[in-house]
Amino acid sequence: ETVSTQSTWGGASTGADSVPYFRVFNPYTQSAKFDKEGLFIKSVLKELSDVEPKLFHKENGVQSNLFLEYPNTIVNIKQS
């Protein structure tokens, strides 16, 4: 049993990613692709429940809302 398990899982990537570069995901692109309506963001950040979802998908979009006191970003996406 041990031999058959090791031989079948031996080629599978089960540990750390062996790719020689780091994969960095853009949070704005990811939210635009996978959370268009901002449901997850609104469920976690209750103070954003009345904000338009399109503002979540661009950098400093939420800060452009004059009626919302939301902190500015510390590092912009291009610098990171």
N, C-alpha and C. Protein backbone atom coordinates (compact mmCIF):
# COMPACT_ATOMS: atom_id res chain seq x y z
N GLU A 1 0.82 -1.20 0.00
CA GLU A 1 0.00 0.00 0.00
C GLU A 1 0.86 1.26 0.00
N THR A 2 1.88 1.31 0.82
CA THR A 2 2.74 2.49 0.87
C THR A 2 3.43 2.71 -0.46
N VAL A 3 3.90 1.65 -1.08
CA VAL A 3 4.59 1.78 -2.35
C VAL A 3 3.65 2.31 -3.43
N SER A 4 2.43 1.80 -3.47
CA SER A 4 1.50 2.27 -4.50
C SER A 4 1.09 3.72 -4.26
N THR A 5 0.96 4.13 -3.01
CA THR A 5 0.60 5.51 -2.71
C THR A 5 1.74 6.45 -3.10
N GLN A 6 2.97 6.09 -2.77
CA GLN A 6 4.11 6.94 -3.11
C GLN A 6 4.30 7.04 -4.61
N SER A 7 4.07 5.97 -5.32
CA SER A 7 4.28 6.01 -6.76
C SER A 7 3.20 6.83 -7.46
N THR A 8 2.00 6.86 -6.92
CA THR A 8 0.94 7.63 -7.57
C THR A 8 1.01 9.10 -7.21
N TRP A 9 1.47 9.42 -6.00
CA TRP A 9 1.54 10.82 -5.57
C TRP A 9 2.91 11.43 -5.83
N GLY A 10 3.85 10.64 -6.26
CA GLY A 10 5.22 11.14 -6.44
C GLY A 10 5.35 12.30 -7.40
N GLY A 11 4.59 12.29 -8.49
CA GLY A 11 4.69 13.36 -9.46
C GLY A 11 3.77 14.53 -9.18
N ALA A 12 2.90 14.39 -8.21
CA ALA A 12 1.95 15.45 -7.91
C ALA A 12 2.61 16.55 -7.11
N SER A 13 2.18 17.74 -7.35
CA SER A 13 2.69 18.89 -6.59
C SER A 13 1.91 18.98 -5.29
N THR A 14 2.48 18.48 -4.23
CA THR A 14 1.79 18.47 -2.94
C THR A 14 2.42 19.40 -1.93
N GLY A 15 3.57 19.97 -2.25
CA GLY A 15 4.26 20.84 -1.31
C GLY A 15 4.32 22.26 -1.82
N ALA A 16 5.40 22.93 -1.49
CA ALA A 16 5.60 24.30 -1.94
C ALA A 16 5.72 24.34 -3.46
N ASP A 17 5.28 25.42 -4.04
CA ASP A 17 5.32 25.57 -5.49
C ASP A 17 6.77 25.65 -5.96
N SER A 18 7.11 24.83 -6.93
CA SER A 18 8.50 24.77 -7.39
C SER A 18 8.80 25.75 -8.52
N VAL A 19 7.86 26.61 -8.84
CA VAL A 19 8.07 27.59 -9.91
C VAL A 19 9.15 28.57 -9.45
N PRO A 20 10.11 28.90 -10.30
CA PRO A 20 11.23 29.74 -9.87
C PRO A 20 10.92 31.23 -9.75
N TYR A 21 9.69 31.63 -9.84
CA TYR A 21 9.31 33.02 -9.66
C TYR A 21 8.11 33.09 -8.73
N PHE A 22 7.86 34.24 -8.21
CA PHE A 22 6.73 34.40 -7.30
C PHE A 22 5.49 34.79 -8.09
N ARG A 23 4.40 34.20 -7.74
CA ARG A 23 3.13 34.56 -8.37
C ARG A 23 2.48 35.64 -7.54
N VAL A 24 2.29 36.78 -8.13
CA VAL A 24 1.67 37.90 -7.43
C VAL A 24 0.35 38.20 -8.13
N PHE A 25 -0.71 38.16 -7.38
CA PHE A 25 -2.03 38.42 -7.92
C PHE A 25 -2.42 39.86 -7.62
N ASN A 26 -2.98 40.53 -8.59
CA ASN A 26 -3.48 41.88 -8.42
C ASN A 26 -4.86 41.77 -7.76
N PRO A 27 -5.02 42.31 -6.55
CA PRO A 27 -6.30 42.16 -5.85
C PRO A 27 -7.46 42.82 -6.58
N TYR A 28 -7.20 43.90 -7.31
CA TYR A 28 -8.27 44.58 -8.04
C TYR A 28 -8.74 43.74 -9.22
N THR A 29 -7.80 43.14 -9.94
CA THR A 29 -8.16 42.27 -11.05
C THR A 29 -8.89 41.03 -10.56
N GLN A 30 -8.41 40.45 -9.46
CA GLN A 30 -9.05 39.26 -8.92
C GLN A 30 -10.47 39.54 -8.46
N SER A 31 -10.68 40.66 -7.78
CA SER A 31 -12.04 40.97 -7.33
C SER A 31 -12.96 41.27 -8.50
N ALA A 32 -12.44 41.92 -9.54
CA ALA A 32 -13.26 42.20 -10.73
C ALA A 32 -13.66 40.91 -11.44
N LYS A 33 -12.76 39.94 -11.48
CA LYS A 33 -13.05 38.67 -12.15
C LYS A 33 -13.99 37.78 -11.34
N PHE A 34 -13.74 37.68 -10.04
CA PHE A 34 -14.40 36.65 -9.24
C PHE A 34 -15.45 37.16 -8.25
N ASP A 35 -15.54 38.48 -8.06
CA ASP A 35 -16.53 39.04 -7.12
C ASP A 35 -17.07 40.34 -7.71
N LYS A 36 -17.66 40.24 -8.90
CA LYS A 36 -18.13 41.43 -9.63
C LYS A 36 -19.11 42.27 -8.82
N GLU A 37 -19.95 41.62 -8.06
CA GLU A 37 -20.95 42.34 -7.27
C GLU A 37 -20.42 42.78 -5.90
N GLY A 38 -19.20 42.38 -5.56
CA GLY A 38 -18.61 42.76 -4.28
C GLY A 38 -19.25 42.09 -3.09
N LEU A 39 -19.84 40.92 -3.29
CA LEU A 39 -20.54 40.24 -2.20
C LEU A 39 -19.60 39.84 -1.06
N PHE A 40 -18.44 39.30 -1.42
CA PHE A 40 -17.50 38.89 -0.38
C PHE A 40 -16.97 40.12 0.37
N ILE A 41 -16.58 41.14 -0.38
CA ILE A 41 -16.03 42.35 0.25
C ILE A 41 -17.07 42.96 1.19
N LYS A 42 -18.31 43.04 0.74
CA LYS A 42 -19.37 43.61 1.58
C LYS A 42 -19.67 42.74 2.80
N SER A 43 -19.48 41.43 2.68
CA SER A 43 -19.75 40.56 3.84
C SER A 43 -18.67 40.69 4.90
N VAL A 44 -17.46 41.06 4.48
CA VAL A 44 -16.36 41.19 5.44
C VAL A 44 -16.26 42.62 5.98
N LEU A 45 -16.42 43.60 5.10
CA LEU A 45 -16.31 45.01 5.49
C LEU A 45 -17.70 45.64 5.47
N LYS A 46 -18.37 45.57 6.59
CA LYS A 46 -19.77 46.02 6.69
C LYS A 46 -19.91 47.51 6.36
N GLU A 47 -18.89 48.32 6.63
CA GLU A 47 -18.99 49.75 6.34
C GLU A 47 -19.04 50.05 4.84
N LEU A 48 -18.75 49.04 4.01
CA LEU A 48 -18.80 49.22 2.56
C LEU A 48 -20.08 48.64 1.95
N SER A 49 -21.06 48.30 2.77
CA SER A 49 -22.26 47.65 2.26
C SER A 49 -23.07 48.53 1.31
N ASP A 50 -22.99 49.85 1.43
CA ASP A 50 -23.76 50.75 0.57
C ASP A 50 -22.94 51.34 -0.57
N VAL A 51 -21.71 50.88 -0.74
CA VAL A 51 -20.83 51.40 -1.78
C VAL A 51 -21.02 50.62 -3.08
N GLU A 52 -20.94 51.32 -4.21
CA GLU A 52 -21.07 50.66 -5.51
C GLU A 52 -19.93 49.65 -5.71
N PRO A 53 -20.22 48.44 -6.17
CA PRO A 53 -19.18 47.42 -6.35
C PRO A 53 -18.07 47.83 -7.32
N LYS A 54 -18.39 48.64 -8.33
CA LYS A 54 -17.35 49.02 -9.29
C LYS A 54 -16.21 49.79 -8.63
N LEU A 55 -16.46 50.44 -7.49
CA LEU A 55 -15.41 51.17 -6.78
C LEU A 55 -14.40 50.23 -6.12
N PHE A 56 -14.82 49.00 -5.82
CA PHE A 56 -13.91 48.03 -5.21
C PHE A 56 -12.81 47.58 -6.17
N HIS A 57 -13.12 47.63 -7.46
CA HIS A 57 -12.25 47.02 -8.46
C HIS A 57 -11.23 47.97 -9.07
N LYS A 58 -11.09 49.17 -8.52
CA LYS A 58 -10.04 50.07 -8.98
C LYS A 58 -9.35 50.68 -7.76
N GLU A 59 -8.09 50.92 -7.90
CA GLU A 59 -7.29 51.41 -6.78
C GLU A 59 -7.79 52.78 -6.34
N ASN A 60 -7.94 52.96 -5.04
CA ASN A 60 -8.43 54.19 -4.42
C ASN A 60 -9.84 54.56 -4.87
N GLY A 61 -10.58 53.60 -5.40
CA GLY A 61 -11.95 53.86 -5.82
C GLY A 61 -12.86 54.17 -4.65
N VAL A 62 -12.67 53.46 -3.55
CA VAL A 62 -13.51 53.68 -2.37
C VAL A 62 -13.19 55.04 -1.75
N GLN A 63 -11.94 55.46 -1.81
CA GLN A 63 -11.56 56.75 -1.25
C GLN A 63 -12.17 57.92 -2.05
N SER A 64 -12.59 57.67 -3.28
CA SER A 64 -13.19 58.72 -4.10
C SER A 64 -14.61 59.06 -3.65
N ASN A 65 -15.21 58.22 -2.80
CA ASN A 65 -16.55 58.46 -2.28
C ASN A 65 -16.44 59.50 -1.16
N LEU A 66 -16.99 60.69 -1.38
CA LEU A 66 -16.86 61.79 -0.42
C LEU A 66 -17.59 61.54 0.89
N PHE A 67 -18.55 60.62 0.88
CA PHE A 67 -19.35 60.38 2.07
C PHE A 67 -18.84 59.20 2.90
N LEU A 68 -17.71 58.68 2.54
CA LEU A 68 -17.15 57.52 3.23
C LEU A 68 -15.76 57.85 3.74
N GLU A 69 -15.54 57.68 5.02
CA GLU A 69 -14.21 57.92 5.58
C GLU A 69 -13.46 56.59 5.59
N TYR A 70 -12.76 56.33 4.51
CA TYR A 70 -12.02 55.09 4.37
C TYR A 70 -10.55 55.44 4.19
N PRO A 71 -9.62 54.77 4.88
CA PRO A 71 -8.20 55.16 4.83
C PRO A 71 -7.59 55.00 3.43
N ASN A 72 -6.65 55.88 3.13
CA ASN A 72 -5.91 55.79 1.86
C ASN A 72 -4.97 54.60 1.89
N THR A 73 -4.61 54.13 0.70
CA THR A 73 -3.66 53.02 0.62
C THR A 73 -2.28 53.48 1.07
N ILE A 74 -1.52 52.58 1.65
CA ILE A 74 -0.16 52.90 2.10
C ILE A 74 0.81 52.75 0.93
N VAL A 75 0.67 51.65 0.18
CA VAL A 75 1.52 51.39 -0.98
C VAL A 75 0.59 51.15 -2.16
N ASN A 76 0.82 51.87 -3.27
CA ASN A 76 -0.06 51.65 -4.41
C ASN A 76 0.34 50.36 -5.14
N ILE A 77 -0.54 49.89 -5.99
CA ILE A 77 -0.38 48.59 -6.63
C ILE A 77 0.85 48.56 -7.54
N LYS A 78 1.19 49.66 -8.17
CA LYS A 78 2.37 49.69 -9.05
C LYS A 78 3.66 49.55 -8.25
N GLN A 79 3.72 50.14 -7.06
CA GLN A 79 4.92 50.02 -6.24
C GLN A 79 5.08 48.63 -5.65
N SER A 80 3.97 47.97 -5.39
CA SER A 80 4.06 46.64 -4.79
C SER A 80 4.42 45.62 -5.82
